[in-house]
PDB file of N, CA and C in Angstrom:
ATOM      1  N   MET A   1       0.855  -1.191   0.000  1.00  0.00           N
ATOM      2  CA  MET A   1       0.000   0.000   0.000  1.00  0.00           C
ATOM      3  C   MET A   1       0.887   1.236   0.000  1.00  0.00           C
ATOM      4  N   HIS A   2       1.100   1.810  -1.178  1.00  0.00           N
ATOM      5  CA  HIS A   2       1.992   2.963  -1.274  1.00  0.00           C
ATOM      6  C   HIS A   2       1.356   4.243  -0.740  1.00  0.00           C
ATOM      7  N   GLU A   3       0.060   4.229  -0.483  1.00  0.00           N
ATOM      8  CA  GLU A   3      -0.606   5.420   0.050  1.00  0.00           C
ATOM      9  C   GLU A   3      -0.062   5.789   1.434  1.00  0.00           C
ATOM     10  N   LEU A   4       0.280   4.777   2.247  1.00  0.00           N
ATOM     11  CA  LEU A   4       0.825   5.066   3.575  1.00  0.00           C
ATOM     12  C   LEU A   4       2.170   5.786   3.474  1.00  0.00           C
ATOM     13  N   SER A   5       3.006   5.387   2.535  1.00  0.00           N
ATOM     14  CA  SER A   5       4.278   6.091   2.363  1.00  0.00           C
ATOM     15  C   SER A   5       4.050   7.508   1.830  1.00  0.00           C
ATOM     16  N   ILE A   6       3.020   7.689   1.011  1.00  0.00           N
ATOM     17  CA  ILE A   6       2.682   9.035   0.533  1.00  0.00           C
ATOM     18  C   ILE A   6       2.250   9.907   1.708  1.00  0.00           C
ATOM     19  N   VAL A   7       1.399   9.366   2.582  1.00  0.00           N
ATOM     20  CA  VAL A   7       0.939  10.124   3.754  1.00  0.00           C
ATOM     21  C   VAL A   7       2.120  10.462   4.663  1.00  0.00           C
ATOM     22  N   LYS A   8       3.025   9.522   4.869  1.00  0.00           N
ATOM     23  CA  LYS A   8       4.216   9.796   5.689  1.00  0.00           C
ATOM     24  C   LYS A   8       5.048  10.913   5.062  1.00  0.00           C
ATOM     25  N   ASP A   9       5.178  10.896   3.737  1.00  0.00           N
ATOM     26  CA  ASP A   9       5.913  11.959   3.036  1.00  0.00           C
ATOM     27  C   ASP A   9       5.223  13.306   3.184  1.00  0.00           C
ATOM     28  N   ILE A  10       3.896  13.304   3.153  1.00  0.00           N
ATOM     29  CA  ILE A  10       3.137  14.543   3.339  1.00  0.00           C
ATOM     30  C   ILE A  10       3.445  15.136   4.715  1.00  0.00           C
ATOM     31  N   PHE A  11       3.394  14.298   5.742  1.00  0.00           N
ATOM     32  CA  PHE A  11       3.661  14.794   7.095  1.00  0.00           C
ATOM     33  C   PHE A  11       5.120  15.207   7.279  1.00  0.00           C
ATOM     34  N   SER A  12       6.038  14.508   6.643  1.00  0.00           N
ATOM     35  CA  SER A  12       7.453  14.917   6.704  1.00  0.00           C
ATOM     36  C   SER A  12       7.638  16.293   6.077  1.00  0.00           C
ATOM     37  N   THR A  13       6.978  16.507   4.948  1.00  0.00           N
ATOM     38  CA  THR A  13       7.050  17.811   4.279  1.00  0.00           C
ATOM     39  C   THR A  13       6.456  18.906   5.154  1.00  0.00           C
ATOM     40  N   LEU A  14       5.294  18.628   5.761  1.00  0.00           N
ATOM     41  CA  LEU A  14       4.660  19.622   6.631  1.00  0.00           C
ATOM     42  C   LEU A  14       5.529  19.941   7.841  1.00  0.00           C
ATOM     43  N   GLU A  15       6.101  18.908   8.457  1.00  0.00           N
ATOM     44  CA  GLU A  15       6.953  19.110   9.631  1.00  0.00           C
ATOM     45  C   GLU A  15       8.202  19.905   9.269  1.00  0.00           C
ATOM     46  N   GLU A  16       8.757  19.612   8.109  1.00  0.00           N
ATOM     47  CA  GLU A  16       9.957  20.320   7.664  1.00  0.00           C
ATOM     48  C   GLU A  16       9.651  21.785   7.357  1.00  0.00           C
ATOM     49  N   HIS A  17       8.526  22.022   6.730  1.00  0.00           N
ATOM     50  CA  HIS A  17       8.194  23.377   6.291  1.00  0.00           C
ATOM     51  C   HIS A  17       7.606  24.242   7.412  1.00  0.00           C
ATOM     52  N   TYR A  18       6.733  23.658   8.229  1.00  0.00           N
ATOM     53  CA  TYR A  18       6.027  24.445   9.244  1.00  0.00           C
ATOM     54  C   TYR A  18       6.562  24.253  10.651  1.00  0.00           C
ATOM     55  N   GLU A  19       7.432  23.282  10.875  1.00  0.00           N
ATOM     56  CA  GLU A  19       8.069  22.987  12.153  1.00  0.00           C
ATOM     57  C   GLU A  19       7.071  22.944  13.304  1.00  0.00           C
ATOM     58  N   ALA A  20       7.186  23.827  14.279  1.00  0.00           N
ATOM     59  CA  ALA A  20       6.341  23.782  15.481  1.00  0.00           C
ATOM     60  C   ALA A  20       4.875  24.086  15.183  1.00  0.00           C
ATOM     61  N   LYS A  21       4.597  24.794  14.116  1.00  0.00           N
ATOM     62  CA  LYS A  21       3.219  25.160  13.782  1.00  0.00           C
ATOM     63  C   LYS A  21       2.417  23.999  13.196  1.00  0.00           C
ATOM     64  N   VAL A  22       3.076  22.865  12.930  1.00  0.00           N
ATOM     65  CA  VAL A  22       2.393  21.742  12.290  1.00  0.00           C
ATOM     66  C   VAL A  22       1.226  21.251  13.145  1.00  0.00           C
ATOM     67  N   GLU A  23       1.312  21.410  14.457  1.00  0.00           N
ATOM     68  CA  GLU A  23       0.220  21.005  15.347  1.00  0.00           C
ATOM     69  C   GLU A  23      -1.010  21.894  15.195  1.00  0.00           C
ATOM     70  N   ASP A  24      -0.850  23.069  14.606  1.00  0.00           N
ATOM     71  CA  ASP A  24      -1.951  24.009  14.417  1.00  0.00           C
ATOM     72  C   ASP A  24      -2.671  23.825  13.080  1.00  0.00           C
ATOM     73  N   ILE A  25      -2.254  22.848  12.303  1.00  0.00           N
ATOM     74  CA  ILE A  25      -2.893  22.615  11.006  1.00  0.00           C
ATOM     75  C   ILE A  25      -4.239  21.931  11.226  1.00  0.00           C
ATOM     76  N   GLN A  26      -5.256  22.504  10.625  1.00  0.00           N
ATOM     77  CA  GLN A  26      -6.611  21.966  10.728  1.00  0.00           C
ATOM     78  C   GLN A  26      -6.943  21.050   9.551  1.00  0.00           C
ATOM     79  N   LYS A  27      -6.507  21.461   8.355  1.00  0.00           N
ATOM     80  CA  LYS A  27      -6.898  20.712   7.162  1.00  0.00           C
ATOM     81  C   LYS A  27      -5.782  20.760   6.127  1.00  0.00           C
ATOM     82  N   ILE A  28      -5.607  19.632   5.446  1.00  0.00           N
ATOM     83  CA  ILE A  28      -4.641  19.531   4.360  1.00  0.00           C
ATOM     84  C   ILE A  28      -5.412  19.158   3.108  1.00  0.00           C
ATOM     85  N   GLN A  29      -5.113  19.867   2.030  1.00  0.00           N
ATOM     86  CA  GLN A  29      -5.702  19.510   0.745  1.00  0.00           C
ATOM     87  C   GLN A  29      -4.580  18.980  -0.147  1.00  0.00           C
ATOM     88  N   VAL A  30      -4.815  17.804  -0.718  1.00  0.00           N
ATOM     89  CA  VAL A  30      -3.857  17.181  -1.618  1.00  0.00           C
ATOM     90  C   VAL A  30      -4.514  17.084  -2.987  1.00  0.00           C
ATOM     91  N   THR A  31      -3.776  17.492  -4.020  1.00  0.00           N
ATOM     92  CA  THR A  31      -4.262  17.383  -5.387  1.00  0.00           C
ATOM     93  C   THR A  31      -3.549  16.220  -6.058  1.00  0.00           C
ATOM     94  N   ALA A  32      -4.347  15.332  -6.640  1.00  0.00           N
ATOM     95  CA  ALA A  32      -3.808  14.139  -7.300  1.00  0.00           C
ATOM     96  C   ALA A  32      -4.416  14.020  -8.685  1.00  0.00           C
ATOM     97  N   GLY A  33      -3.569  13.873  -9.672  1.00  0.00           N
ATOM     98  CA  GLY A  33      -4.050  13.646 -11.029  1.00  0.00           C
ATOM     99  C   GLY A  33      -4.492  12.203 -11.201  1.00  0.00           C
ATOM    100  N   LEU A  34      -5.385  11.978 -12.149  1.00  0.00           N
ATOM    101  CA  LEU A  34      -5.886  10.625 -12.393  1.00  0.00           C
ATOM    102  C   LEU A  34      -4.771   9.638 -12.754  1.00  0.00           C
ATOM    103  N   LEU A  35      -3.678  10.131 -13.319  1.00  0.00           N
ATOM    104  CA  LEU A  35      -2.569   9.254 -13.683  1.00  0.00           C
ATOM    105  C   LEU A  35      -1.559   9.061 -12.551  1.00  0.00           C
ATOM    106  N   SER A  36      -1.781   9.688 -11.404  1.00  0.00           N
ATOM    107  CA  SER A  36      -0.823   9.593 -10.295  1.00  0.00           C
ATOM    108  C   SER A  36      -0.919   8.271  -9.555  1.00  0.00           C
ATOM    109  N   ASN A  37      -1.907   7.471  -9.888  1.00  0.00           N
ATOM    110  CA  ASN A  37      -2.095   6.158  -9.269  1.00  0.00           C
ATOM    111  C   ASN A  37      -2.413   6.259  -7.780  1.00  0.00           C
ATOM    112  N   VAL A  38      -3.111   7.313  -7.402  1.00  0.00           N
ATOM    113  CA  VAL A  38      -3.539   7.499  -6.016  1.00  0.00           C
ATOM    114  C   VAL A  38      -5.054   7.390  -5.963  1.00  0.00           C
ATOM    115  N   GLN A  39      -5.541   6.508  -5.121  1.00  0.00           N
ATOM    116  CA  GLN A  39      -6.974   6.337  -4.929  1.00  0.00           C
ATOM    117  C   GLN A  39      -7.399   7.172  -3.715  1.00  0.00           C
ATOM    118  N   PRO A  40      -8.327   8.127  -3.879  1.00  0.00           N
ATOM    119  CA  PRO A  40      -8.742   8.970  -2.761  1.00  0.00           C
ATOM    120  C   PRO A  40      -9.171   8.188  -1.518  1.00  0.00           C
ATOM    121  N   VAL A  41      -9.916   7.113  -1.684  1.00  0.00           N
ATOM    122  CA  VAL A  41     -10.374   6.325  -0.527  1.00  0.00           C
ATOM    123  C   VAL A  41      -9.184   5.693   0.196  1.00  0.00           C
ATOM    124  N   LEU A  42      -8.232   5.173  -0.565  1.00  0.00           N
ATOM    125  CA  LEU A  42      -7.073   4.525   0.050  1.00  0.00           C
ATOM    126  C   LEU A  42      -6.160   5.517   0.746  1.00  0.00           C
ATOM    127  N   ILE A  43      -5.996   6.703   0.151  1.00  0.00           N
ATOM    128  CA  ILE A  43      -5.160   7.703   0.810  1.00  0.00           C
ATOM    129  C   ILE A  43      -5.850   8.237   2.071  1.00  0.00           C
ATOM    130  N   GLN A  44      -7.181   8.328   2.050  1.00  0.00           N
ATOM    131  CA  GLN A  44      -7.923   8.733   3.243  1.00  0.00           C
ATOM    132  C   GLN A  44      -7.764   7.692   4.343  1.00  0.00           C
ATOM    133  N   ASN A  45      -7.840   6.412   3.984  1.00  0.00           N
ATOM    134  CA  ASN A  45      -7.649   5.345   4.969  1.00  0.00           C
ATOM    135  C   ASN A  45      -6.234   5.376   5.551  1.00  0.00           C
ATOM    136  N   ALA A  46      -5.249   5.596   4.710  1.00  0.00           N
ATOM    137  CA  ALA A  46      -3.866   5.684   5.181  1.00  0.00           C
ATOM    138  C   ALA A  46      -3.687   6.897   6.089  1.00  0.00           C
ATOM    139  N   PHE A  47      -4.306   8.009   5.730  1.00  0.00           N
ATOM    140  CA  PHE A  47      -4.257   9.226   6.549  1.00  0.00           C
ATOM    141  C   PHE A  47      -4.882   8.954   7.918  1.00  0.00           C
ATOM    142  N   ASP A  48      -6.054   8.326   7.940  1.00  0.00           N
ATOM    143  CA  ASP A  48      -6.731   8.015   9.198  1.00  0.00           C
ATOM    144  C   ASP A  48      -5.883   7.100  10.072  1.00  0.00           C
ATOM    145  N   ALA A  49      -5.232   6.116   9.459  1.00  0.00           N
ATOM    146  CA  ALA A  49      -4.363   5.204  10.210  1.00  0.00           C
ATOM    147  C   ALA A  49      -3.166   5.950  10.774  1.00  0.00           C
ATOM    148  N   PHE A  50      -2.597   6.855   9.983  1.00  0.00           N
ATOM    149  CA  PHE A  50      -1.428   7.614  10.438  1.00  0.00           C
ATOM    150  C   PHE A  50      -1.768   8.513  11.619  1.00  0.00           C
ATOM    151  N   ILE A  51      -2.876   9.251  11.525  1.00  0.00           N
ATOM    152  CA  ILE A  51      -3.212  10.167  12.623  1.00  0.00           C
ATOM    153  C   ILE A  51      -3.679   9.409  13.869  1.00  0.00           C
ATOM    154  N   ALA A  52      -4.188   8.184  13.697  1.00  0.00           N
ATOM    155  CA  ALA A  52      -4.564   7.363  14.849  1.00  0.00           C
ATOM    156  C   ALA A  52      -3.317   6.962  15.646  1.00  0.00           C
ATOM    157  N   ASP A  53      -2.196   6.794  14.936  1.00  0.00           N
ATOM    158  CA  ASP A  53      -0.932   6.443  15.595  1.00  0.00           C
ATOM    159  C   ASP A  53      -0.140   7.659  16.056  1.00  0.00           C
ATOM    160  N   ASN A  54      -0.523   8.838  15.607  1.00  0.00           N
ATOM    161  CA  ASN A  54       0.183  10.082  15.942  1.00  0.00           C
ATOM    162  C   ASN A  54      -0.837  11.086  16.474  1.00  0.00           C
ATOM    163  N   LEU A  55      -1.120  11.001  17.754  1.00  0.00           N
ATOM    164  CA  LEU A  55      -2.238  11.731  18.356  1.00  0.00           C
ATOM    165  C   LEU A  55      -2.138  13.251  18.251  1.00  0.00           C
ATOM    166  N   ILE A  56      -0.947  13.798  18.043  1.00  0.00           N
ATOM    167  CA  ILE A  56      -0.864  15.266  17.917  1.00  0.00           C
ATOM    168  C   ILE A  56      -1.568  15.758  16.646  1.00  0.00           C
ATOM    169  N   TYR A  57      -1.822  14.841  15.712  1.00  0.00           N
ATOM    170  CA  TYR A  57      -2.497  15.201  14.463  1.00  0.00           C
ATOM    171  C   TYR A  57      -3.964  14.799  14.433  1.00  0.00           C
ATOM    172  N   ARG A  58      -4.499  14.318  15.537  1.00  0.00           N
ATOM    173  CA  ARG A  58      -5.832  13.698  15.540  1.00  0.00           C
ATOM    174  C   ARG A  58      -6.964  14.608  15.081  1.00  0.00           C
ATOM    175  N   ASP A  59      -6.792  15.927  15.152  1.00  0.00           N
ATOM    176  CA  ASP A  59      -7.849  16.856  14.738  1.00  0.00           C
ATOM    177  C   ASP A  59      -7.712  17.296  13.276  1.00  0.00           C
ATOM    178  N   MET A  60      -6.700  16.802  12.597  1.00  0.00           N
ATOM    179  CA  MET A  60      -6.469  17.196  11.208  1.00  0.00           C
ATOM    180  C   MET A  60      -7.426  16.491  10.260  1.00  0.00           C
ATOM    181  N   GLU A  61      -7.772  17.199   9.192  1.00  0.00           N
ATOM    182  CA  GLU A  61      -8.627  16.633   8.145  1.00  0.00           C
ATOM    183  C   GLU A  61      -7.833  16.576   6.846  1.00  0.00           C
ATOM    184  N   LEU A  62      -8.256  15.677   5.982  1.00  0.00           N
ATOM    185  CA  LEU A  62      -7.646  15.553   4.662  1.00  0.00           C
ATOM    186  C   LEU A  62      -8.724  15.685   3.604  1.00  0.00           C
ATOM    187  N   GLU A  63      -8.417  16.468   2.572  1.00  0.00           N
ATOM    188  CA  GLU A  63      -9.286  16.561   1.405  1.00  0.00           C
ATOM    189  C   GLU A  63      -8.435  16.215   0.187  1.00  0.00           C
ATOM    190  N   VAL A  64      -8.934  15.313  -0.638  1.00  0.00           N
ATOM    191  CA  VAL A  64      -8.219  14.929  -1.858  1.00  0.00           C
ATOM    192  C   VAL A  64      -8.995  15.464  -3.057  1.00  0.00           C
ATOM    193  N   VAL A  65      -8.333  16.289  -3.855  1.00  0.00           N
ATOM    194  CA  VAL A  65      -8.908  16.832  -5.078  1.00  0.00           C
ATOM    195  C   VAL A  65      -8.293  16.050  -6.239  1.00  0.00           C
ATOM    196  N   VAL A  66      -9.142  15.514  -7.098  1.00  0.00           N
ATOM    197  CA  VAL A  66      -8.659  14.715  -8.223  1.00  0.00           C
ATOM    198  C   VAL A  66      -8.753  15.548  -9.504  1.00  0.00           C
ATOM    199  N   ASN A  67      -7.612  15.662 -10.183  1.00  0.00           N
ATOM    200  CA  ASN A  67      -7.558  16.403 -11.447  1.00  0.00           C
ATOM    201  C   ASN A  67      -7.756  15.459 -12.629  1.00  0.00           C
ATOM    202  N   ASP A  68      -8.497  15.927 -13.623  1.00  0.00           N
ATOM    203  CA  ASP A  68      -8.680  15.187 -14.863  1.00  0.00           C
ATOM    204  C   ASP A  68      -7.357  15.110 -15.625  1.00  0.00           C
ATOM    205  N   ILE A  69      -7.326  14.256 -16.621  1.00  0.00           N
ATOM    206  CA  ILE A  69      -6.171  14.172 -17.511  1.00  0.00           C
ATOM    207  C   ILE A  69      -6.396  15.157 -18.653  1.00  0.00           C
ATOM    208  N   ILE A  70      -5.439  16.043 -18.834  1.00  0.00           N
ATOM    209  CA  ILE A  70      -5.481  17.018 -19.925  1.00  0.00           C
ATOM    210  C   ILE A  70      -4.235  16.797 -20.778  1.00  0.00           C
ATOM    211  N   ALA A  71      -4.437  16.687 -22.081  1.00  0.00           N
ATOM    212  CA  ALA A  71      -3.323  16.517 -23.021  1.00  0.00           C
ATOM    213  C   ALA A  71      -3.313  17.698 -23.990  1.00  0.00           C
ATOM    214  N   HIS A  72      -2.182  17.861 -24.654  1.00  0.00           N
ATOM    215  CA  HIS A  72      -2.043  18.952 -25.625  1.00  0.00           C
ATOM    216  C   HIS A  72      -1.900  18.372 -27.031  1.00  0.00           C
ATOM    217  N   CYS A  73      -2.648  18.936 -27.948  1.00  0.00           N
ATOM    218  CA  CYS A  73      -2.600  18.530 -29.356  1.00  0.00           C
ATOM    219  C   CYS A  73      -1.696  19.517 -30.107  1.00  0.00           C
ATOM    220  N   HIS A  74      -0.664  18.997 -30.729  1.00  0.00           N
ATOM    221  CA  HIS A  74       0.254  19.868 -31.474  1.00  0.00           C
ATOM    222  C   HIS A  74      -0.282  20.217 -32.861  1.00  0.00           C
ATOM    223  N   SER A  75      -1.243  19.437 -33.356  1.00  0.00           N
ATOM    224  CA  SER A  75      -1.825  19.738 -34.681  1.00  0.00           C
ATOM    225  C   SER A  75      -2.668  21.002 -34.647  1.00  0.00           C
ATOM    226  N   CYS A  76      -3.561  21.095 -33.648  1.00  0.00           N
ATOM    227  CA  CYS A  76      -4.430  22.275 -33.575  1.00  0.00           C
ATOM    228  C   CYS A  76      -4.037  23.218 -32.432  1.00  0.00           C
ATOM    229  N   ASP A  77      -2.964  22.873 -31.715  1.00  0.00           N
ATOM    230  CA  ASP A  77      -2.414  23.694 -30.625  1.00  0.00           C
ATOM    231  C   ASP A  77      -3.445  23.988 -29.530  1.00  0.00           C
ATOM    232  N   LYS A  78      -4.211  22.954 -29.159  1.00  0.00           N
ATOM    233  CA  LYS A  78      -5.215  23.100 -28.101  1.00  0.00           C
ATOM    234  C   LYS A  78      -5.032  21.997 -27.064  1.00  0.00           C
ATOM    235  N   ASP A  79      -5.452  22.303 -25.848  1.00  0.00           N
ATOM    236  CA  ASP A  79      -5.501  21.295 -24.796  1.00  0.00           C
ATOM    237  C   ASP A  79      -6.866  20.616 -24.839  1.00  0.00           C
ATOM    238  N   PHE A  80      -6.900  19.325 -24.501  1.00  0.00           N
ATOM    239  CA  PHE A  80      -8.165  18.602 -24.492  1.00  0.00           C
ATOM    240  C   PHE A  80      -8.206  17.635 -23.319  1.00  0.00           C
ATOM    241  N   LYS A  81      -9.420  17.372 -22.839  1.00  0.00           N
ATOM    242  CA  LYS A  81      -9.626  16.446 -21.733  1.00  0.00           C
ATOM    243  C   LYS A  81      -9.622  15.016 -22.274  1.00  0.00           C
ATOM    244  N   VAL A  82      -8.841  14.169 -21.631  1.00  0.00           N
ATOM    245  CA  VAL A  82      -8.780  12.755 -22.010  1.00  0.00           C
ATOM    246  C   VAL A  82      -9.920  12.035 -21.294  1.00  0.00           C
ATOM    247  N   GLU A  83     -10.780  11.404 -22.075  1.00  0.00           N
ATOM    248  CA  GLU A  83     -11.903  10.667 -21.508  1.00  0.00           C
ATOM    249  C   GLU A  83     -11.884   9.238 -22.019  1.00  0.00           C
ATOM    250  N   TYR A  84     -12.231   8.323 -21.126  1.00  0.00           N
ATOM    251  CA  TYR A  84     -12.289   6.899 -21.470  1.00  0.00           C
ATOM    252  C   TYR A  84     -10.966   6.392 -22.055  1.00  0.00           C
ATOM    253  N   HIS A  85      -9.864   6.924 -21.534  1.00  0.00           N
ATOM    254  CA  HIS A  85      -8.508   6.514 -21.937  1.00  0.00           C
ATOM    255  C   HIS A  85      -8.229   6.754 -23.419  1.00  0.00           C
ATOM    256  N   ARG A  86      -8.946   7.705 -24.020  1.00  0.00           N
ATOM    257  CA  ARG A  86      -8.721   8.055 -25.427  1.00  0.00           C
ATOM    258  C   ARG A  86      -7.893   9.335 -25.489  1.00  0.00           C
ATOM    259  N   PHE A  87      -6.634   9.175 -25.834  1.00  0.00           N
ATOM    260  CA  PHE A  87      -5.726  10.308 -25.950  1.00  0.00           C
ATOM    261  C   PHE A  87      -5.780  10.857 -27.377  1.00  0.00           C
ATOM    262  N   VAL A  88      -6.986  11.217 -27.802  1.00  0.00           N
ATOM    263  CA  VAL A  88      -7.204  11.716 -29.157  1.00  0.00           C
ATOM    264  C   VAL A  88      -7.954  13.042 -29.062  1.00  0.00           C
ATOM    265  N   CYS A  89      -7.409  14.037 -29.710  1.00  0.00           N
ATOM    266  CA  CYS A  89      -8.014  15.376 -29.728  1.00  0.00           C
ATOM    267  C   CYS A  89      -9.301  15.348 -30.545  1.00  0.00           C
ATOM    268  N   GLU A  90     -10.135  16.371 -30.358  1.00  0.00           N
ATOM    269  CA  GLU A  90     -11.374  16.461 -31.148  1.00  0.00           C
ATOM    270  C   GLU A  90     -11.096  16.636 -32.639  1.00  0.00           C
ATOM    271  N   CYS A  91      -9.873  17.072 -32.980  1.00  0.00           N
ATOM    272  CA  CYS A  91      -9.512  17.190 -34.403  1.00  0.00           C
ATOM    273  C   CYS A  91      -9.106  15.836 -34.987  1.00  0.00           C
ATOM    274  N   GLY A  92      -9.035  14.800 -34.123  1.00  0.00           N
ATOM    275  CA  GLY A  92      -8.729  13.451 -34.582  1.00  0.00           C
ATOM    276  C   GLY A  92      -7.274  13.037 -34.442  1.00  0.00           C
ATOM    277  N   THR A  93      -6.428  13.946 -33.960  1.00  0.00           N
ATOM    278  CA  THR A  93      -5.003  13.654 -33.823  1.00  0.00           C
ATOM    279  C   THR A  93      -4.694  13.036 -32.463  1.00  0.00           C
ATOM    280  N   PRO A  94      -4.015  11.893 -32.433  1.00  0.00           N
ATOM    281  CA  PRO A  94      -3.604  11.313 -31.151  1.00  0.00           C
ATOM    282  C   PRO A  94      -2.486  12.141 -30.522  1.00  0.00           C
ATOM    283  N   SER A  95      -2.479  12.172 -29.187  1.00  0.00           N
ATOM    284  CA  SER A  95      -1.427  12.899 -28.481  1.00  0.00           C
ATOM    285  C   SER A  95      -1.218  12.289 -27.104  1.00  0.00           C
ATOM    286  N   THR A  96       0.025  12.169 -26.724  1.00  0.00           N
ATOM    287  CA  THR A  96       0.361  11.710 -25.370  1.00  0.00           C
ATOM    288  C   THR A  96       1.118  12.798 -24.612  1.00  0.00           C
ATOM    289  N   ASP A  97       1.002  14.036 -25.070  1.00  0.00           N
ATOM    290  CA  ASP A  97       1.655  15.173 -24.412  1.00  0.00           C
ATOM    291  C   ASP A  97       0.769  15.608 -23.235  1.00  0.00           C
ATOM    292  N   ILE A  98       1.023  15.052 -22.068  1.00  0.00           N
ATOM    293  CA  ILE A  98       0.200  15.288 -20.875  1.00  0.00           C
ATOM    294  C   ILE A  98       0.548  16.639 -20.251  1.00  0.00           C
ATOM    295  N   VAL A  99      -0.469  17.470 -20.047  1.00  0.00           N
ATOM    296  CA  VAL A  99      -0.286  18.767 -19.398  1.00  0.00           C
ATOM    297  C   VAL A  99      -0.759  18.722 -17.945  1.00  0.00           C
ATOM    298  N   GLN A 100      -1.700  17.857 -17.665  1.00  0.00           N
ATOM    299  CA  GLN A 100      -2.251  17.712 -16.310  1.00  0.00           C
ATOM    300  C   GLN A 100      -2.702  16.264 -16.135  1.00  0.00           C
ATOM    301  N   GLY A 101      -2.498  15.758 -14.925  1.00  0.00           N
ATOM    302  CA  GLY A 101      -2.980  14.422 -14.638  1.00  0.00           C
ATOM    303  C   GLY A 101      -1.964  13.528 -13.944  1.00  0.00           C
ATOM    304  N   ASN A 102      -0.681  13.915 -13.984  1.00  0.00           N
ATOM    305  CA  ASN A 102       0.375  13.146 -13.314  1.00  0.00           C
ATOM    306  C   ASN A 102       0.700  13.668 -11.923  1.00  0.00           C
ATOM    307  N   GLU A 103       0.180  14.818 -11.564  1.00  0.00           N
ATOM    308  CA  GLU A 103       0.604  15.524 -10.368  1.00  0.00           C
ATOM    309  C   GLU A 103       0.113  14.877  -9.069  1.00  0.00           C
ATOM    310  N   LEU A 104       0.882  15.127  -8.023  1.00  0.00           N
ATOM    311  CA  LEU A 104       0.509  14.753  -6.662  1.00  0.00           C
ATOM    312  C   LEU A 104       1.242  15.735  -5.755  1.00  0.00           C
ATOM    313  N   TYR A 105       0.482  16.637  -5.135  1.00  0.00           N
ATOM    314  CA  TYR A 105       1.113  17.656  -4.300  1.00  0.00           C
ATOM    315  C   TYR A 105       0.155  18.167  -3.234  1.00  0.00           C
ATOM    316  N   ILE A 106       0.734  18.791  -2.215  1.00  0.00           N
ATOM    317  CA  ILE A 106      -0.055  19.461  -1.174  1.00  0.00           C
ATOM    318  C   ILE A 106      -0.485  20.793  -1.770  1.00  0.00           C
ATOM    319  N   SER A 107      -1.776  20.963  -1.973  1.00  0.00           N
ATOM    320  CA  SER A 107      -2.251  22.172  -2.637  1.00  0.00           C
ATOM    321  C   SER A 107      -2.732  23.241  -1.667  1.00  0.00           C
ATOM    322  N   LYS A 108      -3.067  22.853  -0.438  1.00  0.00           N
ATOM    323  CA  LYS A 108      -3.553  23.844   0.522  1.00  0.00           C
ATOM    324  C   LYS A 108      -3.328  23.335   1.941  1.00  0.00           C
ATOM    325  N   VAL A 109      -2.945  24.240   2.823  1.00  0.00           N
ATOM    326  CA  VAL A 109      -2.806  23.943   4.245  1.00  0.00           C
ATOM    327  C   VAL A 109      -3.599  25.003   4.987  1.00  0.00           C
ATOM    328  N   ILE A 110      -4.576  24.571   5.775  1.00  0.00           N
ATOM    329  CA  ILE A 110      -5.432  25.490   6.527  1.00  0.00           C
ATOM    330  C   ILE A 110      -5.112  25.337   8.010  1.00  0.00           C
ATOM    331  N   PHE A 111      -4.844  26.457   8.668  1.00  0.00           N
ATOM    332  CA  PHE A 111      -4.519  26.444  10.090  1.00  0.00           C
ATOM    333  C   PHE A 111      -5.746  26.749  10.928  1.00  0.00           C
ATOM    334  N   LYS A 112      -5.727  26.273  12.165  1.00  0.00           N
ATOM    335  CA  LYS A 112      -6.801  26.572  13.119  1.00  0.00           C
ATOM    336  C   LYS A 112      -6.812  28.058  13.381  1.00  0.00           C
ATOM    337  N   GLN A 113      -8.005  28.585  13.567  1.00  0.00           N
ATOM    338  CA  GLN A 113      -8.149  30.021  13.844  1.00  0.00           C
ATOM    339  C   GLN A 113      -7.829  30.304  15.306  1.00  0.00           C
ATOM    340  N   SER A 114      -7.020  31.323  15.545  1.00  0.00           N
ATOM    341  CA  SER A 114      -6.716  31.741  16.909  1.00  0.00           C
ATOM    342  C   SER A 114      -7.812  32.679  17.399  1.00  0.00           C
ATOM    343  N   LEU A 115      -8.181  32.530  18.638  1.00  0.00           N
ATOM    344  CA  LEU A 115      -9.211  33.405  19.202  1.00  0.00           C
ATOM    345  C   LEU A 115      -8.626  34.576  19.907  1.00  0.00           C
TER     346      LEU A 115
END
């Protein structure tokens, strides 16, 4: 289950970047492209397992945003959405020039509000 190693990497990145403030994080948003081989349900399960073992994070939430696959057609110089695994532009030209869909990154970190 590579999702657990992804979650561990997410927390390592947060700890490295935010240091002591990492305990004040309320919500993490992760963006994953359809080609990143990340299943939202599995990454949520891995996240839940990780925070269950690390109680300082128990109030944190995870949101996974899934990006569509977008490819670029060099014939008509347009980007198009890949649907049903068809990497063919509406002009009929095949293309494997991926512009979006491989990504996996922390897209947003929301901190608890101070009173």
